[in-house]
Amino acid sequence: MTLGAVFPGQGAQSVGMLADLAATYTTIVDKFSEASDVLGFDLWEMVQKGPPEDLSATQNTQPILLAASAALWDVWQKQSPSPSYVAGHSLGEYSALTCAGALNFADALRLVRLRGELMEAAVPRGQGAMAAIMGLDDPQVVACCEHVEGVVVAANFNAPGQVVIAGATAAVEAAVVACKADGAKRAVLLDVSGPFHSPLMAAAQSEFAEALNRIPLTLPSIPIIQNVSAKVPNDLNELRTNLVAQIAEPVRWSECVNQMISLGVTDFAECGPGSVLAGLIRRISKSTPTSGLSKAGVL
């Protein structure tokens, strides 16, 4: 068995998550306490009590999910073999880098907190949107985006027949209509605060790049498949460049998973709350066993 560890991004959070596991593994709460000391507010209380709108605010969600993945990783590594490859979906790429030793936990928390703030500020609320498109091939979705006025692009290539688009609100709405006309089974607007992984996020890249360059970063001890290239970076410069680019470029998740399989991964474990990525991987490769670590009985 060759393991691949995958780390979820925004959307995996929920009020009360990890409570059952934390009752068994006290190190989970300890990890959140460490994160709270770094950022100056009680992450675990927000996770357990909400309110949901605070938990879902981008600048909170990103460090909370990183802390959740790091906590599960600590538990998993004490009883399971290390994976041969790691990958993370959007924000999850930072969780993967942290767990694979490329980023210090405290530095990573501050970095993703800033990333969330910059992404939130890049586009005024209401001027950007995202939508999930189900039942069309990737090229069809891309073509629908290209045929409407305004900025709208395929932002997340999540699985065969599942693509998320992002861009200016009017353009996204027009693309939703175009996708439905082209035969999409479903095309619905998502409840998100901005057009992530679209060119409209470019305003966040410069300041983020400056912050990233100030933080010690090394190549991870476990090879990482990065979102924008669907490949292992050749060097540290490529790793940094891809992280900055990822803010405004698509997440090529299907390609990332297929690349890991082509490199010999036979089993996947989702190191984070929920099982969103496990569901996507089953659509990408039905024959590849995948489990979510946050489920009872897995750890």
Protein backbone atom coordinates (compact mmCIF):
# COMPACT_ATOMS: atom_id res chain seq x y z
CA MET A 1 0.00 0.00 0.00
CA THR A 2 1.28 3.46 -0.97
CA LEU A 3 -0.51 6.25 0.88
CA GLY A 4 -1.43 9.70 -0.34
CA ALA A 5 -2.62 12.25 2.23
CA VAL A 6 -5.01 14.96 1.07
CA PHE A 7 -6.02 18.09 2.99
CA PRO A 8 -9.34 19.93 2.52
CA GLY A 9 -9.93 23.62 1.95
CA GLN A 10 -12.78 25.99 2.74
CA GLY A 11 -16.16 24.35 2.90
CA ALA A 12 -15.02 21.50 5.15
CA GLN A 13 -15.73 23.46 8.35
CA SER A 14 -18.80 23.00 10.54
CA VAL A 15 -19.80 24.05 14.04
CA GLY A 16 -18.99 21.24 16.49
CA MET A 17 -16.51 19.49 14.21
CA LEU A 18 -13.94 17.14 15.77
CA ALA A 19 -15.71 17.17 19.17
CA ASP A 20 -16.08 13.37 19.25
CA LEU A 21 -12.44 12.76 18.36
CA ALA A 22 -11.24 15.42 20.80
CA ALA A 23 -12.93 13.50 23.62
CA THR A 24 -10.61 10.59 22.85
CA TYR A 25 -7.52 12.45 21.68
CA THR A 26 -6.84 15.42 23.94
CA THR A 27 -3.95 16.49 21.72
CA ILE A 28 -6.55 17.85 19.28
CA VAL A 29 -7.65 20.52 21.74
CA ASP A 30 -3.99 21.11 22.64
CA LYS A 31 -3.22 21.86 18.99
CA PHE A 32 -6.07 24.36 18.84
CA SER A 33 -4.83 25.97 22.06
CA GLU A 34 -1.42 26.39 20.46
CA ALA A 35 -3.06 28.01 17.44
CA SER A 36 -5.16 30.27 19.67
CA ASP A 37 -2.03 31.52 21.44
CA VAL A 38 -0.48 32.39 18.07
CA LEU A 39 -3.48 34.27 16.68
CA GLY A 40 -4.88 35.79 19.87
CA PHE A 41 -8.41 34.38 19.83
CA ASP A 42 -10.00 31.10 20.89
CA LEU A 43 -10.24 28.96 17.76
CA TRP A 44 -11.64 25.90 19.55
CA GLU A 45 -14.48 27.91 21.10
CA MET A 46 -15.38 29.30 17.67
CA VAL A 47 -15.32 25.80 16.20
CA GLN A 48 -17.52 24.34 18.93
CA LYS A 49 -19.94 27.24 19.52
CA GLY A 50 -19.88 29.31 16.32
CA PRO A 51 -21.74 31.31 15.27
CA PRO A 52 -21.56 29.77 11.78
CA GLU A 53 -21.02 33.12 10.09
CA ASP A 54 -17.87 33.72 12.17
CA LEU A 55 -16.58 30.22 11.49
CA SER A 56 -17.19 30.70 7.75
CA ALA A 57 -15.47 34.10 7.54
CA THR A 58 -12.50 33.48 5.26
CA GLN A 59 -9.89 34.95 7.61
CA ASN A 60 -11.13 32.60 10.39
CA THR A 61 -11.86 29.52 8.32
CA GLN A 62 -8.37 29.27 6.89
CA PRO A 63 -6.37 29.06 10.15
CA ILE A 64 -9.10 26.93 11.77
CA LEU A 65 -8.96 24.32 9.01
CA LEU A 66 -5.17 24.34 9.08
CA ALA A 67 -5.25 23.73 12.84
CA ALA A 68 -7.81 20.95 12.38
CA SER A 69 -5.70 19.18 9.77
CA ALA A 70 -2.51 19.58 11.80
CA ALA A 71 -4.26 18.15 14.89
CA LEU A 72 -5.51 15.11 12.98
CA TRP A 73 -2.09 14.65 11.41
CA ASP A 74 -0.44 14.53 14.85
CA VAL A 75 -2.83 11.79 15.95
CA TRP A 76 -2.55 9.85 12.69
CA GLN A 77 1.26 9.87 12.61
CA LYS A 78 1.47 8.20 16.03
CA GLN A 79 -0.32 5.10 14.76
CA SER A 80 0.04 4.93 10.96
CA PRO A 81 2.82 4.96 8.34
CA SER A 82 3.67 8.29 6.73
CA PRO A 83 2.23 8.94 3.26
CA SER A 84 4.44 8.93 0.18
CA TYR A 85 2.79 12.05 -1.28
CA VAL A 86 0.63 14.91 -0.03
CA ALA A 87 -1.70 17.39 -1.70
CA GLY A 88 -4.23 19.93 -0.49
CA HIS A 89 -7.24 21.57 -2.08
CA SER A 90 -6.70 25.35 -2.17
CA LEU A 91 -6.09 26.32 1.49
CA GLY A 92 -5.38 22.64 2.11
CA GLU A 93 -2.09 23.03 0.28
CA TYR A 94 -0.82 25.02 3.28
CA SER A 95 -1.99 22.31 5.66
CA ALA A 96 -0.12 19.77 3.56
CA LEU A 97 3.06 21.85 3.58
CA THR A 98 2.84 22.35 7.34
CA CYS A 99 2.32 18.67 8.09
CA ALA A 100 5.13 17.71 5.69
CA GLY A 101 7.55 20.02 7.49
CA ALA A 102 7.90 22.80 4.93
CA LEU A 103 6.23 25.45 7.10
CA ASN A 104 6.41 26.08 10.85
CA PHE A 105 2.92 25.74 12.37
CA ALA A 106 2.87 29.25 13.86
CA ASP A 107 4.16 30.83 10.65
CA ALA A 108 1.59 28.88 8.63
CA LEU A 109 -1.26 30.08 10.85
CA ARG A 110 -0.27 33.73 10.45
CA LEU A 111 0.23 33.26 6.73
CA VAL A 112 -3.17 31.74 6.02
CA ARG A 113 -4.87 34.27 8.31
CA LEU A 114 -3.34 37.01 6.15
CA ARG A 115 -4.22 35.07 2.99
CA GLY A 116 -7.84 35.00 4.08
CA GLU A 117 -7.87 38.72 4.87
CA LEU A 118 -6.31 39.62 1.53
CA MET A 119 -8.66 37.37 -0.42
CA GLU A 120 -11.64 38.83 1.45
CA ALA A 121 -10.51 42.38 0.66
CA ALA A 122 -9.57 41.80 -2.99
CA VAL A 123 -13.13 42.10 -4.28
CA PRO A 124 -15.91 44.11 -2.56
CA ARG A 125 -18.64 41.83 -1.22
CA GLY A 126 -21.36 41.27 -3.80
CA GLN A 127 -19.16 42.05 -6.79
CA GLY A 128 -17.81 38.50 -7.13
CA ALA A 129 -19.41 35.07 -7.08
CA MET A 130 -18.82 31.36 -7.53
CA ALA A 131 -21.08 28.62 -8.86
CA ALA A 132 -20.96 24.83 -8.99
CA ILE A 133 -21.56 23.22 -12.37
CA MET A 134 -22.55 19.56 -12.40
CA GLY A 135 -22.85 17.23 -15.37
CA LEU A 136 -20.71 18.96 -18.00
CA ASP A 137 -17.24 18.05 -19.23
CA ASP A 138 -14.46 20.47 -18.30
CA PRO A 139 -14.10 21.88 -21.87
CA GLN A 140 -17.84 22.57 -22.00
CA VAL A 141 -17.68 24.62 -18.80
CA VAL A 142 -14.64 26.52 -20.04
CA ALA A 143 -16.43 27.27 -23.33
CA CYS A 144 -19.55 28.53 -21.54
CA CYS A 145 -17.40 30.91 -19.49
CA GLU A 146 -15.63 32.16 -22.61
CA HIS A 147 -18.90 32.90 -24.40
CA VAL A 148 -20.35 35.34 -21.85
CA GLU A 149 -19.35 38.94 -21.21
CA GLY A 150 -17.23 39.83 -18.21
CA VAL A 151 -14.71 37.98 -16.08
CA VAL A 152 -15.65 34.37 -15.31
CA VAL A 153 -13.43 31.30 -15.39
CA ALA A 154 -13.34 27.67 -14.32
CA ALA A 155 -11.81 27.95 -10.84
CA ASN A 156 -11.89 24.42 -9.41
CA PHE A 157 -11.65 21.32 -11.60
CA ASN A 158 -12.85 19.12 -8.75
CA ALA A 159 -13.84 15.86 -10.43
CA PRO A 160 -15.27 14.62 -13.72
CA GLY A 161 -18.58 16.42 -14.17
CA GLN A 162 -17.98 18.78 -11.24
CA VAL A 163 -16.43 22.20 -11.88
CA VAL A 164 -16.69 25.42 -9.88
CA ILE A 165 -16.63 28.72 -11.76
CA ALA A 166 -15.73 32.14 -10.36
CA GLY A 167 -15.66 35.76 -11.43
CA ALA A 168 -17.70 38.95 -11.52
CA THR A 169 -21.23 38.35 -10.24
CA ALA A 170 -23.07 39.21 -13.46
CA ALA A 171 -20.68 37.13 -15.55
CA VAL A 172 -21.03 34.12 -13.23
CA GLU A 173 -24.81 34.39 -13.37
CA ALA A 174 -24.68 34.53 -17.17
CA ALA A 175 -22.35 31.52 -17.26
CA VAL A 176 -24.76 29.57 -15.04
CA VAL A 177 -27.52 30.23 -17.60
CA ALA A 178 -25.20 29.19 -20.43
CA CYS A 179 -24.20 25.97 -18.66
CA LYS A 180 -27.82 25.04 -18.03
CA ALA A 181 -28.60 25.66 -21.69
CA ASP A 182 -25.66 23.43 -22.61
CA GLY A 183 -27.08 20.53 -20.60
CA ALA A 184 -25.71 20.90 -17.07
CA LYS A 185 -27.57 18.73 -14.56
CA ARG A 186 -27.17 21.43 -11.95
CA ALA A 187 -25.70 24.92 -12.00
CA VAL A 188 -26.07 26.81 -8.73
CA LEU A 189 -24.54 29.85 -7.09
CA LEU A 190 -22.48 29.12 -3.97
CA ASP A 191 -22.67 30.92 -0.64
CA VAL A 192 -19.12 32.27 -0.62
CA SER A 193 -17.64 35.68 0.08
CA GLY A 194 -15.58 36.11 -3.08
CA PRO A 195 -14.54 34.82 -6.52
CA PHE A 196 -11.63 32.68 -5.33
CA HIS A 197 -9.11 31.30 -7.84
CA SER A 198 -10.16 33.78 -10.51
CA PRO A 199 -8.26 36.72 -12.05
CA LEU A 200 -10.22 39.05 -9.76
CA MET A 201 -8.09 37.74 -6.87
CA ALA A 202 -4.89 39.10 -8.44
CA ALA A 203 -5.08 42.15 -6.14
CA ALA A 204 -4.22 39.88 -3.21
CA GLN A 205 -1.09 38.38 -4.72
CA SER A 206 1.52 41.10 -4.30
CA GLU A 207 1.16 41.62 -0.54
CA PHE A 208 0.82 37.88 -0.02
CA ALA A 209 4.03 37.24 -1.96
CA GLU A 210 5.88 39.73 0.26
CA ALA A 211 4.63 37.96 3.39
CA LEU A 212 5.48 34.53 1.98
CA ASN A 213 9.02 35.66 1.20
CA ARG A 214 9.53 36.76 4.81
CA ILE A 215 8.63 33.34 6.20
CA PRO A 216 11.11 30.45 6.39
CA LEU A 217 10.02 27.83 3.87
CA THR A 218 11.71 24.61 2.83
CA LEU A 219 10.86 21.85 0.43
CA PRO A 220 8.58 19.40 2.27
CA SER A 221 9.96 16.12 3.55
CA ILE A 222 7.09 14.39 1.71
CA PRO A 223 6.67 15.40 -1.96
CA ILE A 224 3.68 17.66 -2.58
CA ILE A 225 1.54 17.82 -5.71
CA GLN A 226 0.66 21.50 -6.16
CA ASN A 227 -2.71 22.84 -7.29
CA VAL A 228 -1.65 25.04 -10.19
CA SER A 229 0.75 22.59 -11.83
CA ALA A 230 -0.53 19.17 -10.69
CA LYS A 231 3.15 18.28 -10.25
CA VAL A 232 5.83 18.09 -7.59
CA PRO A 233 7.77 21.41 -7.63
CA ASN A 234 11.39 21.13 -8.79
CA ASP A 235 12.75 23.63 -6.28
CA LEU A 236 11.87 26.13 -3.57
CA ASN A 237 11.41 29.00 -6.03
CA GLU A 238 8.83 27.00 -7.98
CA LEU A 239 7.06 26.08 -4.76
CA ARG A 240 6.76 29.74 -3.74
CA THR A 241 5.73 30.87 -7.23
CA ASN A 242 2.97 28.27 -7.36
CA LEU A 243 1.63 29.28 -3.95
CA VAL A 244 1.29 32.91 -5.04
CA ALA A 245 -0.22 31.93 -8.40
CA GLN A 246 -2.74 29.63 -6.72
CA ILE A 247 -4.66 32.62 -5.31
CA ALA A 248 -5.83 33.68 -8.78
CA GLU A 249 -5.47 30.48 -10.81
CA PRO A 250 -7.56 27.30 -10.97
CA VAL A 251 -7.27 24.38 -8.58
CA ARG A 252 -6.59 21.40 -10.84
CA TRP A 253 -7.74 18.83 -8.33
CA SER A 254 -8.64 16.02 -10.73
CA GLU A 255 -5.18 16.25 -12.25
CA CYS A 256 -3.54 16.32 -8.81
CA VAL A 257 -5.27 13.10 -7.78
CA ASN A 258 -4.52 11.39 -11.09
CA GLN A 259 -0.88 12.46 -10.81
CA MET A 260 -0.61 10.90 -7.35
CA ILE A 261 -2.11 7.67 -8.68
CA SER A 262 0.31 7.69 -11.62
CA LEU A 263 3.17 8.03 -9.10
CA GLY A 264 2.02 4.87 -7.36
CA VAL A 265 -0.48 5.99 -4.71
CA THR A 266 -2.89 3.13 -4.03
CA ASP A 267 -4.86 4.54 -1.06
CA PHE A 268 -5.88 8.02 0.05
CA ALA A 269 -6.53 9.42 3.52
CA GLU A 270 -8.28 12.77 3.98
CA CYS A 271 -6.55 14.59 6.82
CA GLY A 272 -9.15 17.12 7.85
CA PRO A 273 -12.73 17.49 9.05
CA GLY A 274 -15.41 15.87 6.91
CA SER A 275 -14.99 13.84 3.75
CA VAL A 276 -15.42 16.30 0.87
CA LEU A 277 -12.18 15.25 -0.83
CA ALA A 278 -12.88 11.56 -0.27
CA GLY A 279 -16.10 12.03 -2.22
CA LEU A 280 -14.29 13.79 -5.05
CA ILE A 281 -11.58 11.13 -5.22
CA ARG A 282 -14.23 8.42 -5.55
CA ARG A 283 -15.55 10.28 -8.60
CA ILE A 284 -12.05 10.66 -10.04
CA SER A 285 -10.93 7.08 -9.40
CA LYS A 286 -13.70 4.75 -8.22
CA SER A 287 -11.30 1.86 -7.60
CA THR A 288 -8.93 3.76 -5.26
CA PRO A 289 -9.71 3.28 -1.54
CA THR A 290 -10.21 6.56 0.29
CA SER A 291 -11.01 7.27 3.92
CA GLY A 292 -11.68 10.38 6.00
CA LEU A 293 -9.66 10.53 9.20
CA SER A 294 -12.32 12.48 11.07
CA LYS A 295 -14.79 9.60 10.84
CA ALA A 296 -15.30 7.46 13.91
CA GLY A 297 -13.28 4.28 13.83
CA VAL A 298 -10.67 5.48 11.31
CA LEU A 299 -8.21 6.82 13.90
